[in-house]
C-alpha cells in the first residue's frame, strides 16, 4: 500500500471545507443512528416538518424553505408519499401544481421522532463546553447566512405566509416610525436620532 505523506494529510485536515464536510458526515451518521427505528433521513425529516408547518406548499417552495436541490426534491417527495407521510393534491390556483400536505401518519412520526432528533443535536454539540456552544452556533449561522448565495440550493424563505408576516412587521414598524416622527419635539428633531433616521 502506498505511503501517505503526513504533510499532505495534515494540509487536508486543516482546510475548513474538509472539516465542514467531515462534520456533516458525522452529524448525518448520528442522526441515522438515533432515528434508526423511524427509517427517515435528515432531509426527509426537514421536508415533513416544512410541509407540516406550511400546508399546501408546492415542491418549489419546499426547496426554498429547506434549501434543497430542485433536481432531486421530487425523489424526496415521492419517497415520503410512498411512506404515507405526506400526500400530493392538485393546487387550488393551478391544478397542474401539486400541493403538499402532511398525513396523520406523518404528524404522528414528528411527535414520536422529536426526542431522538433533540438527542442528535445535543450529541453533535457534546464535545464543546457549554460556554462554547452558543458561540459556535452563532458563527455557524453567520457563515451559512453570508455564504447562502454560493450554494447550489440557496435558502429562499419566501412563502406567501412568510411574506404576509414580513409585510405586517414592516407595516407595524412603519406605523411606529410615523408616530415617532409626528410626535418629536423641536429639541428631538435637532439633537436626537429616531427610527426615521435609521
Protein backbone atom coordinates (compact mmCIF):
# COMPACT_ATOMS: atom_id res chain seq x y z
CA UNK A 1 0.00 0.00 0.00
CA UNK A 2 1.40 3.45 -0.92
CA UNK A 3 2.61 5.53 1.99
CA UNK A 4 0.53 8.61 2.85
CA UNK A 5 2.55 11.80 3.04
CA UNK A 6 1.84 13.11 6.59
CA UNK A 7 2.36 16.71 5.45
CA UNK A 8 -0.27 16.36 2.72
CA UNK A 9 -2.65 14.65 5.16
CA UNK A 10 -2.13 17.47 7.66
CA UNK A 11 -2.79 20.09 4.97
CA UNK A 12 -6.12 18.43 4.08
CA UNK A 13 -7.21 18.17 7.71
CA UNK A 14 -6.56 21.87 8.30
CA UNK A 15 -8.81 23.09 5.49
CA UNK A 16 -12.21 24.43 6.68
CA UNK A 17 -14.06 22.91 3.73
CA UNK A 18 -12.74 19.45 4.58
CA UNK A 19 -13.63 19.82 8.26
CA UNK A 20 -17.14 21.08 7.46
CA UNK A 21 -17.69 18.08 5.17
CA UNK A 22 -16.47 15.72 7.90
CA UNK A 23 -18.73 17.35 10.47
CA UNK A 24 -21.70 16.95 8.11
CA UNK A 25 -20.83 13.26 7.73
CA UNK A 26 -20.69 12.90 11.49
CA UNK A 27 -23.98 14.75 12.00
CA UNK A 28 -25.67 12.55 9.38
CA UNK A 29 -24.32 9.37 11.00
CA UNK A 30 -25.50 10.44 14.45
CA UNK A 31 -28.98 11.32 13.12
CA UNK A 32 -29.34 7.98 11.33
CA UNK A 33 -28.20 6.10 14.42
CA UNK A 34 -30.53 7.91 16.82
CA UNK A 35 -33.56 7.74 14.49
CA UNK A 36 -32.91 4.25 13.08
CA UNK A 37 -36.31 2.87 14.07
CA UNK A 38 -38.13 5.53 12.04
CA UNK A 39 -36.35 4.95 8.72
CA UNK A 40 -36.16 8.68 7.93
CA UNK A 41 -33.19 10.68 6.60
CA UNK A 42 -32.38 14.22 7.79
CA UNK A 43 -33.67 15.71 4.51
CA UNK A 44 -36.90 13.71 4.72
CA UNK A 45 -37.39 14.86 8.30
CA UNK A 46 -36.87 18.50 7.29
CA UNK A 47 -39.31 18.09 4.41
CA UNK A 48 -42.05 16.58 6.61
CA UNK A 49 -41.56 19.34 9.17
CA UNK A 50 -41.76 22.04 6.47
CA UNK A 51 -44.93 20.55 4.97
CA UNK A 52 -46.50 20.30 8.42
CA UNK A 53 -45.67 23.96 9.09
CA UNK A 54 -46.80 25.16 5.63
CA UNK A 55 -49.81 23.11 4.50
CA UNK A 56 -50.41 23.20 0.75
CA UNK A 57 -46.95 24.33 -0.34
CA UNK A 58 -45.59 23.15 -3.69
CA UNK A 59 -42.26 21.47 -4.32
CA UNK A 60 -40.51 24.67 -5.37
CA UNK A 61 -41.48 26.38 -2.12
CA UNK A 62 -40.39 23.30 -0.20
CA UNK A 63 -36.95 23.54 -1.84
CA UNK A 64 -36.73 27.20 -0.85
CA UNK A 65 -37.62 26.50 2.78
CA UNK A 66 -35.25 23.60 3.39
CA UNK A 67 -32.54 24.75 0.92
CA UNK A 68 -32.60 21.57 -1.15
CA UNK A 69 -31.70 20.94 -4.78
CA UNK A 70 -34.75 21.16 -7.07
CA UNK A 71 -33.43 18.39 -9.31
CA UNK A 72 -33.75 15.81 -6.53
CA UNK A 73 -36.62 17.11 -4.38
CA UNK A 74 -39.04 15.06 -6.45
CA UNK A 75 -37.39 11.85 -5.24
CA UNK A 76 -37.67 13.00 -1.63
CA UNK A 77 -41.36 13.83 -2.02
CA UNK A 78 -42.06 10.54 -3.80
CA UNK A 79 -40.41 8.52 -1.03
CA UNK A 80 -42.37 10.36 1.65
CA UNK A 81 -45.58 9.81 -0.29
CA UNK A 82 -44.83 6.08 -0.56
CA UNK A 83 -44.24 6.01 3.18
CA UNK A 84 -47.63 7.76 3.56
CA UNK A 85 -46.05 10.66 5.44
CA UNK A 86 -47.33 13.30 3.01
CA UNK A 87 -49.89 13.46 0.21
CA UNK A 88 -49.93 15.41 -3.05
CA UNK A 89 -53.13 17.09 -4.22
CA UNK A 90 -53.92 19.35 -7.19
CA UNK A 91 -53.28 23.01 -6.37
CA UNK A 92 -56.29 25.27 -5.85
CA UNK A 93 -54.95 28.06 -8.09
CA UNK A 94 -53.24 25.84 -10.69
CA UNK A 95 -54.29 22.20 -10.81
CA UNK A 96 -51.07 21.34 -12.65
CA UNK A 97 -49.17 22.25 -9.49
CA UNK A 98 -49.23 19.68 -6.71
CA UNK A 99 -49.87 20.93 -3.20
CA UNK A 100 -48.23 19.02 -0.35
CA UNK A 101 -49.98 18.09 2.89
CA UNK A 102 -48.89 16.08 5.89
CA UNK A 103 -50.84 12.92 6.73
CA UNK A 104 -51.90 11.75 10.20
CA UNK A 105 -49.08 9.19 10.00
CA UNK A 106 -46.57 11.93 9.19
CA UNK A 107 -47.80 14.09 12.05
CA UNK A 108 -47.53 11.15 14.43
CA UNK A 109 -43.97 10.48 13.27
CA UNK A 110 -42.95 14.07 14.00
CA UNK A 111 -44.20 13.71 17.55
CA UNK A 112 -42.51 10.35 18.10
CA UNK A 113 -39.18 11.21 16.47
CA UNK A 114 -38.67 14.55 18.23
CA UNK A 115 -36.83 13.15 21.31
CA UNK A 116 -34.38 11.34 19.02
CA UNK A 117 -33.84 14.48 16.93
CA UNK A 118 -33.23 16.54 20.07
CA UNK A 119 -30.77 13.91 21.32
CA UNK A 120 -28.98 14.09 17.98
CA UNK A 121 -28.48 17.85 18.27
CA UNK A 122 -27.18 17.51 21.83
CA UNK A 123 -24.73 14.77 20.83
CA UNK A 124 -23.38 16.79 17.90
CA UNK A 125 -22.53 19.67 20.24
CA UNK A 126 -21.49 17.48 23.18
CA UNK A 127 -17.70 17.79 22.55
CA UNK A 128 -17.94 21.54 23.15
CA UNK A 129 -18.10 23.17 26.54
CA UNK A 130 -21.46 24.69 27.43
CA UNK A 131 -19.94 28.17 27.11
CA UNK A 132 -18.66 27.36 23.61
CA UNK A 133 -21.88 26.02 22.10
CA UNK A 134 -23.70 29.33 21.72
CA UNK A 135 -20.63 30.97 20.17
CA UNK A 136 -20.23 28.05 17.75
CA UNK A 137 -23.89 28.23 16.71
CA UNK A 138 -23.72 31.98 16.18
CA UNK A 139 -20.62 31.65 13.99
CA UNK A 140 -22.17 28.74 12.09
CA UNK A 141 -25.35 30.72 11.39
CA UNK A 142 -23.31 33.71 10.26
CA UNK A 143 -21.20 31.65 7.86
CA UNK A 144 -24.26 29.94 6.37
CA UNK A 145 -26.17 33.21 6.03
CA UNK A 146 -23.33 35.17 4.42
CA UNK A 147 -22.40 32.32 2.05
CA UNK A 148 -26.01 31.42 1.20
CA UNK A 149 -25.80 32.61 -2.42
CA UNK A 150 -22.84 30.33 -3.13
CA UNK A 151 -24.99 27.26 -2.51
CA UNK A 152 -26.41 25.12 -5.32
CA UNK A 153 -29.66 25.28 -3.33
CA UNK A 154 -29.70 28.64 -1.51
CA UNK A 155 -32.23 29.20 1.24
CA UNK A 156 -35.21 31.17 -0.09
CA UNK A 157 -37.65 31.64 2.84
CA UNK A 158 -40.31 33.32 0.70
CA UNK A 159 -43.60 31.52 1.20
CA UNK A 160 -46.79 33.53 0.92
CA UNK A 161 -47.35 33.19 4.66
CA UNK A 162 -43.84 34.42 5.42
CA UNK A 163 -44.22 37.34 3.01
CA UNK A 164 -47.51 38.34 4.69
CA UNK A 165 -45.84 38.16 8.09
CA UNK A 166 -42.89 40.26 6.88
CA UNK A 167 -45.27 42.81 5.35
CA UNK A 168 -47.20 43.02 8.61
CA UNK A 169 -43.98 43.56 10.57
CA UNK A 170 -42.85 46.28 8.12
CA UNK A 171 -46.26 47.94 8.33
CA UNK A 172 -46.18 47.92 12.13
CA UNK A 173 -42.68 49.37 12.14
CA UNK A 174 -43.71 51.98 9.60
CA UNK A 175 -46.62 52.99 11.81
CA UNK A 176 -44.32 53.34 14.79
CA UNK A 177 -41.90 55.43 12.75
CA UNK A 178 -44.73 57.71 11.65
CA UNK A 179 -45.92 58.22 15.21
CA UNK A 180 -42.40 58.92 16.40
CA UNK A 181 -41.78 61.42 13.63
CA UNK A 182 -45.11 63.19 14.18
CA UNK A 183 -44.63 63.50 17.94
CA UNK A 184 -40.99 64.54 18.04
CA UNK A 185 -40.35 67.90 19.65
CA UNK A 186 -38.14 70.56 18.07
CA UNK A 187 -35.43 69.54 20.51
CA UNK A 188 -35.68 65.89 19.47
CA UNK A 189 -35.53 66.87 15.82
CA UNK A 190 -32.36 68.85 16.41
CA UNK A 191 -30.49 66.57 18.74
CA UNK A 192 -31.78 63.00 18.82
CA UNK A 193 -31.87 60.02 16.48
CA UNK A 194 -35.27 58.34 15.91
CA UNK A 195 -36.45 55.36 13.86
CA UNK A 196 -36.89 57.73 10.88
CA UNK A 197 -33.14 58.37 10.81
CA UNK A 198 -32.14 54.70 10.65
